[in-house]
Amino acid sequence: MARRVFAAALAGTGAVAVKIDDGAARAAECALIAGLRRLGLTGAFSDEQAEAPVTGGGATVGAVRIRPGLFTR
């Protein structure tokens, strides 16, 4: 079974860790960005990576997106 772990920490702020059982990076990246936003981090890099396309049959068939309010205070 493939597994992937992502982790990030901001000194004096907090940390985020995400594990995706199927090993797909697209969901983990979006979840990690949502967690970093929850810690108050903003920036162009996170906006660009906050949505990941899902492809099938050589075409884009959907997207993985951060649900608004997922990590609200």
N, C-alpha and C. Protein backbone atom coordinates (compact mmCIF):
# COMPACT_ATOMS: atom_id res chain seq x y z
N MET A 1 0.85 -1.18 0.00
CA MET A 1 0.00 0.00 0.00
C MET A 1 0.89 1.24 0.00
N ALA A 2 0.66 2.13 -0.92
CA ALA A 2 1.44 3.36 -1.01
C ALA A 2 0.97 4.37 0.03
N ARG A 3 1.93 5.04 0.63
CA ARG A 3 1.59 6.10 1.59
C ARG A 3 2.55 7.25 1.38
N ARG A 4 2.05 8.43 1.64
CA ARG A 4 2.87 9.64 1.51
C ARG A 4 2.55 10.53 2.69
N VAL A 5 3.57 11.12 3.27
CA VAL A 5 3.37 12.02 4.41
C VAL A 5 3.94 13.38 4.05
N PHE A 6 3.17 14.42 4.32
CA PHE A 6 3.61 15.80 4.14
C PHE A 6 3.59 16.46 5.51
N ALA A 7 4.59 17.28 5.81
CA ALA A 7 4.61 18.00 7.07
C ALA A 7 5.23 19.38 6.85
N ALA A 8 4.77 20.35 7.61
CA ALA A 8 5.31 21.71 7.56
C ALA A 8 5.16 22.33 8.93
N ALA A 9 6.11 23.18 9.30
CA ALA A 9 6.06 23.86 10.59
C ALA A 9 6.45 25.32 10.43
N LEU A 10 5.81 26.17 11.19
CA LEU A 10 6.12 27.59 11.21
C LEU A 10 6.54 27.94 12.63
N ALA A 11 7.77 28.39 12.79
CA ALA A 11 8.29 28.70 14.12
C ALA A 11 7.36 29.65 14.87
N GLY A 12 7.01 29.28 16.08
CA GLY A 12 6.17 30.12 16.91
C GLY A 12 4.70 30.14 16.53
N THR A 13 4.33 29.37 15.51
CA THR A 13 2.94 29.38 15.02
C THR A 13 2.27 28.03 15.16
N GLY A 14 2.88 27.00 14.63
CA GLY A 14 2.29 25.67 14.70
C GLY A 14 2.83 24.78 13.61
N ALA A 15 2.22 23.61 13.47
CA ALA A 15 2.65 22.63 12.48
C ALA A 15 1.44 21.93 11.88
N VAL A 16 1.66 21.37 10.70
CA VAL A 16 0.62 20.63 9.99
C VAL A 16 1.25 19.35 9.46
N ALA A 17 0.56 18.23 9.60
CA ALA A 17 1.00 16.96 9.01
C ALA A 17 -0.20 16.31 8.33
N VAL A 18 0.04 15.75 7.15
CA VAL A 18 -1.02 15.12 6.37
C VAL A 18 -0.51 13.78 5.85
N LYS A 19 -1.31 12.74 5.99
CA LYS A 19 -0.97 11.42 5.44
C LYS A 19 -2.11 10.98 4.53
N ILE A 20 -1.77 10.61 3.32
CA ILE A 20 -2.74 10.13 2.35
C ILE A 20 -2.44 8.66 2.07
N ASP A 21 -3.37 7.78 2.37
CA ASP A 21 -3.13 6.34 2.26
C ASP A 21 -2.83 5.86 0.85
N ASP A 22 -3.48 6.44 -0.16
CA ASP A 22 -3.26 5.93 -1.51
C ASP A 22 -2.02 6.51 -2.18
N GLY A 23 -1.32 7.42 -1.50
CA GLY A 23 -0.08 7.97 -2.03
C GLY A 23 -0.25 9.09 -3.04
N ALA A 24 -1.48 9.48 -3.36
CA ALA A 24 -1.71 10.53 -4.34
C ALA A 24 -1.31 11.89 -3.76
N ALA A 25 -0.45 12.59 -4.45
CA ALA A 25 0.03 13.89 -3.97
C ALA A 25 -1.03 14.97 -4.08
N ARG A 26 -1.91 14.87 -5.07
CA ARG A 26 -2.83 15.98 -5.32
C ARG A 26 -3.70 16.29 -4.11
N ALA A 27 -4.22 15.30 -3.43
CA ALA A 27 -5.06 15.55 -2.25
C ALA A 27 -4.23 16.05 -1.08
N ALA A 28 -3.05 15.49 -0.89
CA ALA A 28 -2.18 15.88 0.23
C ALA A 28 -1.75 17.33 0.11
N GLU A 29 -1.40 17.75 -1.09
CA GLU A 29 -0.97 19.13 -1.29
C GLU A 29 -2.08 20.11 -0.94
N CYS A 30 -3.28 19.82 -1.38
CA CYS A 30 -4.42 20.70 -1.07
C CYS A 30 -4.70 20.71 0.42
N ALA A 31 -4.65 19.55 1.07
CA ALA A 31 -4.90 19.48 2.52
C ALA A 31 -3.82 20.21 3.30
N LEU A 32 -2.57 20.08 2.88
CA LEU A 32 -1.47 20.77 3.55
C LEU A 32 -1.63 22.29 3.41
N ILE A 33 -1.98 22.75 2.24
CA ILE A 33 -2.21 24.19 2.03
C ILE A 33 -3.36 24.69 2.90
N ALA A 34 -4.43 23.90 3.01
CA ALA A 34 -5.55 24.29 3.87
C ALA A 34 -5.09 24.41 5.32
N GLY A 35 -4.27 23.47 5.76
CA GLY A 35 -3.74 23.53 7.12
C GLY A 35 -2.85 24.73 7.34
N LEU A 36 -2.00 25.06 6.37
CA LEU A 36 -1.13 26.23 6.49
C LEU A 36 -1.94 27.52 6.51
N ARG A 37 -3.00 27.56 5.71
CA ARG A 37 -3.88 28.73 5.75
C ARG A 37 -4.53 28.86 7.12
N ARG A 38 -4.88 27.73 7.71
CA ARG A 38 -5.48 27.74 9.06
C ARG A 38 -4.52 28.34 10.08
N LEU A 39 -3.21 28.14 9.84
CA LEU A 39 -2.19 28.73 10.71
C LEU A 39 -1.93 30.20 10.39
N GLY A 40 -2.56 30.71 9.34
CA GLY A 40 -2.43 32.12 9.00
C GLY A 40 -1.47 32.42 7.86
N LEU A 41 -0.91 31.39 7.23
CA LEU A 41 0.02 31.60 6.12
C LEU A 41 -0.77 31.87 4.84
N THR A 42 -0.42 32.91 4.14
CA THR A 42 -1.03 33.22 2.84
C THR A 42 0.08 33.51 1.85
N GLY A 43 -0.23 33.43 0.58
CA GLY A 43 0.77 33.74 -0.43
C GLY A 43 0.39 33.17 -1.77
N ALA A 44 1.04 33.67 -2.79
CA ALA A 44 0.74 33.26 -4.16
C ALA A 44 1.01 31.78 -4.38
N PHE A 45 2.06 31.24 -3.74
CA PHE A 45 2.36 29.83 -3.96
C PHE A 45 1.20 28.94 -3.52
N SER A 46 0.57 29.27 -2.41
CA SER A 46 -0.52 28.43 -1.93
C SER A 46 -1.78 28.61 -2.78
N ASP A 47 -2.01 29.80 -3.30
CA ASP A 47 -3.17 30.02 -4.17
C ASP A 47 -3.04 29.22 -5.46
N GLU A 48 -1.82 29.14 -6.01
CA GLU A 48 -1.59 28.42 -7.26
C GLU A 48 -1.75 26.92 -7.08
N GLN A 49 -1.41 26.41 -5.91
CA GLN A 49 -1.43 24.97 -5.68
C GLN A 49 -2.66 24.49 -4.91
N ALA A 50 -3.59 25.38 -4.64
CA ALA A 50 -4.75 25.02 -3.84
C ALA A 50 -5.79 24.22 -4.62
N GLU A 51 -5.56 24.00 -5.89
CA GLU A 51 -6.47 23.20 -6.71
C GLU A 51 -5.63 22.30 -7.60
N ALA A 52 -5.98 21.01 -7.62
CA ALA A 52 -5.24 20.04 -8.43
C ALA A 52 -6.20 19.38 -9.41
N PRO A 53 -5.83 19.36 -10.70
CA PRO A 53 -6.71 18.72 -11.69
C PRO A 53 -6.75 17.21 -11.52
N VAL A 54 -7.88 16.62 -11.84
CA VAL A 54 -8.04 15.16 -11.88
C VAL A 54 -8.27 14.80 -13.33
N THR A 55 -7.46 13.89 -13.84
CA THR A 55 -7.55 13.53 -15.26
C THR A 55 -8.00 12.08 -15.42
N GLY A 56 -8.59 11.82 -16.54
CA GLY A 56 -9.02 10.46 -16.90
C GLY A 56 -9.20 10.38 -18.40
N GLY A 57 -8.66 9.35 -19.00
CA GLY A 57 -8.79 9.20 -20.45
C GLY A 57 -8.11 10.32 -21.22
N GLY A 58 -7.06 10.90 -20.63
CA GLY A 58 -6.33 11.97 -21.30
C GLY A 58 -6.96 13.34 -21.23
N ALA A 59 -8.04 13.47 -20.45
CA ALA A 59 -8.72 14.77 -20.33
C ALA A 59 -8.92 15.11 -18.85
N THR A 60 -9.04 16.40 -18.58
CA THR A 60 -9.36 16.83 -17.23
C THR A 60 -10.83 16.56 -16.97
N VAL A 61 -11.11 15.80 -15.91
CA VAL A 61 -12.50 15.41 -15.62
C VAL A 61 -13.00 16.00 -14.30
N GLY A 62 -12.13 16.70 -13.60
CA GLY A 62 -12.52 17.29 -12.33
C GLY A 62 -11.34 17.95 -11.66
N ALA A 63 -11.50 18.24 -10.37
CA ALA A 63 -10.42 18.89 -9.63
C ALA A 63 -10.57 18.58 -8.14
N VAL A 64 -9.44 18.54 -7.47
CA VAL A 64 -9.42 18.47 -6.01
C VAL A 64 -9.28 19.90 -5.54
N ARG A 65 -10.23 20.34 -4.70
CA ARG A 65 -10.23 21.73 -4.21
C ARG A 65 -10.37 21.75 -2.71
N ILE A 66 -9.87 22.80 -2.10
CA ILE A 66 -10.05 23.01 -0.67
C ILE A 66 -11.48 23.48 -0.44
N ARG A 67 -12.20 22.77 0.40
CA ARG A 67 -13.57 23.16 0.71
C ARG A 67 -13.55 24.43 1.56
N PRO A 68 -14.25 25.48 1.14
CA PRO A 68 -14.29 26.72 1.95
C PRO A 68 -14.74 26.41 3.38
N GLY A 69 -14.04 26.99 4.33
CA GLY A 69 -14.39 26.80 5.72
C GLY A 69 -13.90 25.51 6.33
N LEU A 70 -13.06 24.76 5.61
CA LEU A 70 -12.57 23.47 6.09
C LEU A 70 -11.86 23.60 7.43
N PHE A 71 -11.02 24.59 7.56
CA PHE A 71 -10.27 24.79 8.78
C PHE A 71 -10.50 26.19 9.35
N THR A 72 -11.72 26.55 9.56
CA THR A 72 -11.99 27.88 10.09
C THR A 72 -11.82 27.89 11.61
N ARG A 73 -11.52 29.05 12.12
CA ARG A 73 -11.32 29.18 13.57
C ARG A 73 -12.62 29.41 14.26
